[in-house]
Amino acid sequence: MATEEKNTTPAGATPAASAPHAASPSSRVDRVQFSTDANETNHAGGRTSVAEGVVAKIAGIAAREVGGVYALGGGGARALGAIREAMNATDLTQGVKVEVGETQAAADITIVVDYPAPIQTVAENVRTAVTTAITKMVGLEVVEVNVDVNDVHLPTDDADDDAESRVS
C-alpha cells in the first residue's frame, strides 16, 4: 500500500529555505541554500553565485581607497606584492581573506597604516568601506569585518638614502 507524504514547506519555498539559518560552528556566515520559484517573479529564474575571490577583490579595492591605508597584507605578502607589482601584476586580494555564504559575507583585512593617521579611525573607515562595497556590489549582508593593523608606515621609510657614500 502506498503512503502519502505531506509537504510542510511553505508555498514557493524550497525545503532548504525553510531550514533554520544557523551557521556551522566553524563558519561565520550562513551556508543554507536558498532559491525562489520563477513563477512568483516577473523575471527568469536561476541562481547567481559569486566566488570568494571576487568578494575578496572588491574588499581589497575598497580598503585601499581609504585614507590612511598605506598597504594591505603582512610583511611577506607585501614583499611578494612588490615583486608582482614590478611585473605589473598587482594582487588586489593581498591581505584580504573572506568567507562567503549564500546571503552573508565576513572579511579579515590586514593593513599597514600611514603615520600619523589615527589607527582606530582608519580601521573603522576600512570596516565601513568594505561593508558598503560588498553590500552594494554583491548584495550580501556583511556580518563582520576584522581589521588587523600589521604595521605603521613612516614617511622616512620611502626616502632614498641621499647620504654620501663612505667609499669611492
Protein backbone atom coordinates (compact mmCIF):
# COMPACT_ATOMS: atom_id res chain seq x y z
CA MET A 1 0.00 0.00 0.00
CA ALA A 2 1.38 3.41 -0.98
CA THR A 3 1.86 6.06 1.66
CA GLU A 4 1.07 9.70 1.08
CA GLU A 5 3.59 12.30 2.29
CA LYS A 6 2.53 15.79 3.28
CA ASN A 7 4.65 18.71 2.16
CA THR A 8 5.05 21.11 5.07
CA THR A 9 7.28 23.51 3.15
CA PRO A 10 5.70 26.98 2.68
CA ALA A 11 4.37 27.67 -0.81
CA GLY A 12 7.07 28.89 -3.18
CA ALA A 13 9.99 27.94 -0.96
CA THR A 14 12.34 25.04 -1.30
CA PRO A 15 12.86 22.77 1.71
CA ALA A 16 16.31 24.29 2.29
CA ALA A 17 14.79 27.77 2.53
CA SER A 18 12.59 26.70 5.42
CA ALA A 19 15.58 25.32 7.34
CA PRO A 20 16.98 27.38 10.23
CA HIS A 21 19.58 29.98 9.34
CA ALA A 22 22.19 28.54 11.68
CA ALA A 23 25.79 28.72 10.57
CA SER A 24 28.03 25.74 11.11
CA PRO A 25 30.29 26.00 14.17
CA SER A 26 33.38 26.71 12.05
CA SER A 27 31.66 29.21 9.79
CA ARG A 28 30.92 32.87 10.39
CA VAL A 29 28.35 33.07 7.59
CA ASP A 30 25.26 31.18 6.56
CA ARG A 31 25.64 28.14 4.35
CA VAL A 32 21.92 27.50 3.70
CA GLN A 33 20.80 27.10 0.09
CA PHE A 34 18.00 29.47 -0.99
CA SER A 35 16.01 29.62 -4.20
CA THR A 36 12.83 31.24 -5.40
CA ASP A 37 10.06 29.94 -7.60
CA ALA A 38 10.36 31.53 -11.06
CA ASN A 39 6.55 31.66 -11.31
CA GLU A 40 6.37 34.10 -8.37
CA THR A 41 8.53 36.78 -10.02
CA ASN A 42 8.44 38.71 -13.26
CA HIS A 43 11.98 37.72 -14.25
CA ALA A 44 13.57 34.48 -15.31
CA GLY A 45 14.54 32.07 -12.56
CA GLY A 46 18.04 30.99 -11.87
CA ARG A 47 20.80 31.27 -9.36
CA THR A 48 23.71 33.69 -9.14
CA SER A 49 26.81 32.65 -7.26
CA VAL A 50 29.74 34.93 -6.57
CA ALA A 51 33.19 33.43 -5.99
CA GLU A 52 35.07 34.25 -2.81
CA GLY A 53 37.88 35.68 -4.95
CA VAL A 54 35.50 38.26 -6.42
CA VAL A 55 34.32 39.35 -2.96
CA ALA A 56 37.95 39.47 -1.75
CA LYS A 57 38.94 41.67 -4.70
CA ILE A 58 36.04 44.07 -4.02
CA ALA A 59 37.01 44.23 -0.33
CA GLY A 60 40.68 44.83 -1.23
CA ILE A 61 39.87 47.66 -3.63
CA ALA A 62 37.56 49.30 -1.07
CA ALA A 63 40.16 49.03 1.72
CA ARG A 64 42.94 50.50 -0.46
CA GLU A 65 40.79 53.56 -1.22
CA VAL A 66 40.56 54.54 2.48
CA GLY A 67 42.72 57.48 3.52
CA GLY A 68 45.47 56.43 5.91
CA VAL A 69 45.87 52.94 4.46
CA TYR A 70 49.40 52.60 3.11
CA ALA A 71 49.23 48.94 2.04
CA LEU A 72 47.43 45.65 2.62
CA GLY A 73 48.97 42.42 3.89
CA GLY A 74 51.73 41.35 6.24
CA GLY A 75 55.44 41.72 5.61
CA GLY A 76 55.85 38.59 3.48
CA ALA A 77 52.74 39.31 1.45
CA ARG A 78 53.91 42.88 0.82
CA ALA A 79 57.34 41.67 -0.31
CA LEU A 80 55.72 39.26 -2.74
CA GLY A 81 53.31 42.03 -3.77
CA ALA A 82 56.25 44.31 -4.60
CA ILE A 83 57.61 41.65 -6.96
CA ARG A 84 54.16 41.24 -8.55
CA GLU A 85 53.80 45.00 -8.93
CA ALA A 86 57.21 45.21 -10.62
CA MET A 87 55.85 42.73 -13.18
CA ASN A 88 52.65 44.83 -13.45
CA ALA A 89 50.51 42.06 -11.90
CA THR A 90 49.12 43.66 -8.73
CA ASP A 91 47.20 41.24 -6.48
CA LEU A 92 44.14 43.16 -5.28
CA THR A 93 43.28 40.38 -2.81
CA GLN A 94 46.59 40.68 -0.94
CA GLY A 95 45.91 40.99 2.79
CA VAL A 96 42.24 40.05 2.37
CA LYS A 97 40.52 36.86 3.47
CA VAL A 98 36.79 36.44 3.01
CA GLU A 99 34.20 33.86 3.86
CA VAL A 100 31.11 33.88 1.63
CA GLY A 101 27.80 32.18 2.32
CA GLU A 102 24.53 32.28 0.43
CA THR A 103 23.38 35.62 1.84
CA GLN A 104 26.22 36.71 4.13
CA ALA A 105 29.93 37.50 3.99
CA ALA A 106 32.70 38.08 6.53
CA ALA A 107 36.11 39.60 5.87
CA ASP A 108 39.52 39.77 7.53
CA ILE A 109 41.69 42.65 6.31
CA THR A 110 45.37 43.16 7.21
CA ILE A 111 46.56 46.74 6.72
CA VAL A 112 49.56 48.99 7.15
CA VAL A 113 48.57 52.47 8.38
CA ASP A 114 50.33 55.69 7.33
CA TYR A 115 51.90 57.55 10.23
CA PRO A 116 50.44 59.70 11.90
CA ALA A 117 46.91 58.66 10.87
CA PRO A 118 44.75 57.65 13.86
CA ILE A 119 44.67 53.84 13.72
CA GLN A 120 41.17 53.37 15.18
CA THR A 121 39.69 55.88 12.73
CA VAL A 122 41.42 54.25 9.76
CA ALA A 123 40.28 50.78 10.89
CA GLU A 124 36.67 51.96 11.29
CA ASN A 125 36.78 53.64 7.85
CA VAL A 126 38.10 50.38 6.34
CA ARG A 127 35.24 48.47 8.00
CA THR A 128 32.68 50.91 6.62
CA ALA A 129 34.17 50.99 3.11
CA VAL A 130 34.42 47.19 2.85
CA THR A 131 30.91 46.65 4.21
CA THR A 132 29.42 49.24 1.85
CA ALA A 133 31.26 47.87 -1.21
CA ILE A 134 30.31 44.23 -0.60
CA THR A 135 26.70 45.08 0.19
CA LYS A 136 26.31 47.42 -2.78
CA MET A 137 28.15 45.38 -5.41
CA VAL A 138 27.38 41.80 -4.36
CA GLY A 139 24.20 42.20 -2.33
CA LEU A 140 25.45 40.17 0.62
CA GLU A 141 24.90 41.04 4.26
CA VAL A 142 28.30 41.66 5.86
CA VAL A 143 28.32 40.06 9.31
CA GLU A 144 31.82 41.18 10.32
CA VAL A 145 34.95 42.89 9.06
CA ASN A 146 38.01 42.27 11.21
CA VAL A 147 40.87 44.72 10.67
CA ASP A 148 44.39 43.68 11.68
CA VAL A 149 46.86 46.57 11.73
CA ASN A 150 50.16 44.88 10.97
CA ASP A 151 52.50 47.87 10.72
CA VAL A 152 52.79 51.65 10.63
CA HIS A 153 54.42 53.21 7.58
CA LEU A 154 56.74 56.12 8.33
CA PRO A 155 57.41 58.80 5.69
CA THR A 156 61.13 58.21 6.20
CA ASP A 157 60.68 54.60 5.01
CA ASP A 158 60.30 55.90 1.44
CA ALA A 159 63.16 58.41 1.49
CA ASP A 160 66.05 57.46 -0.73
CA ASP A 161 69.37 57.31 1.00
CA ASP A 162 70.87 60.64 -0.07
CA ALA A 163 73.85 60.31 2.24
CA GLU A 164 77.24 60.39 0.59
CA SER A 165 78.95 57.12 0.12
CA ARG A 166 81.79 56.49 2.52
CA VAL A 167 83.77 54.68 -0.14
CA SER A 168 84.71 55.76 -3.62
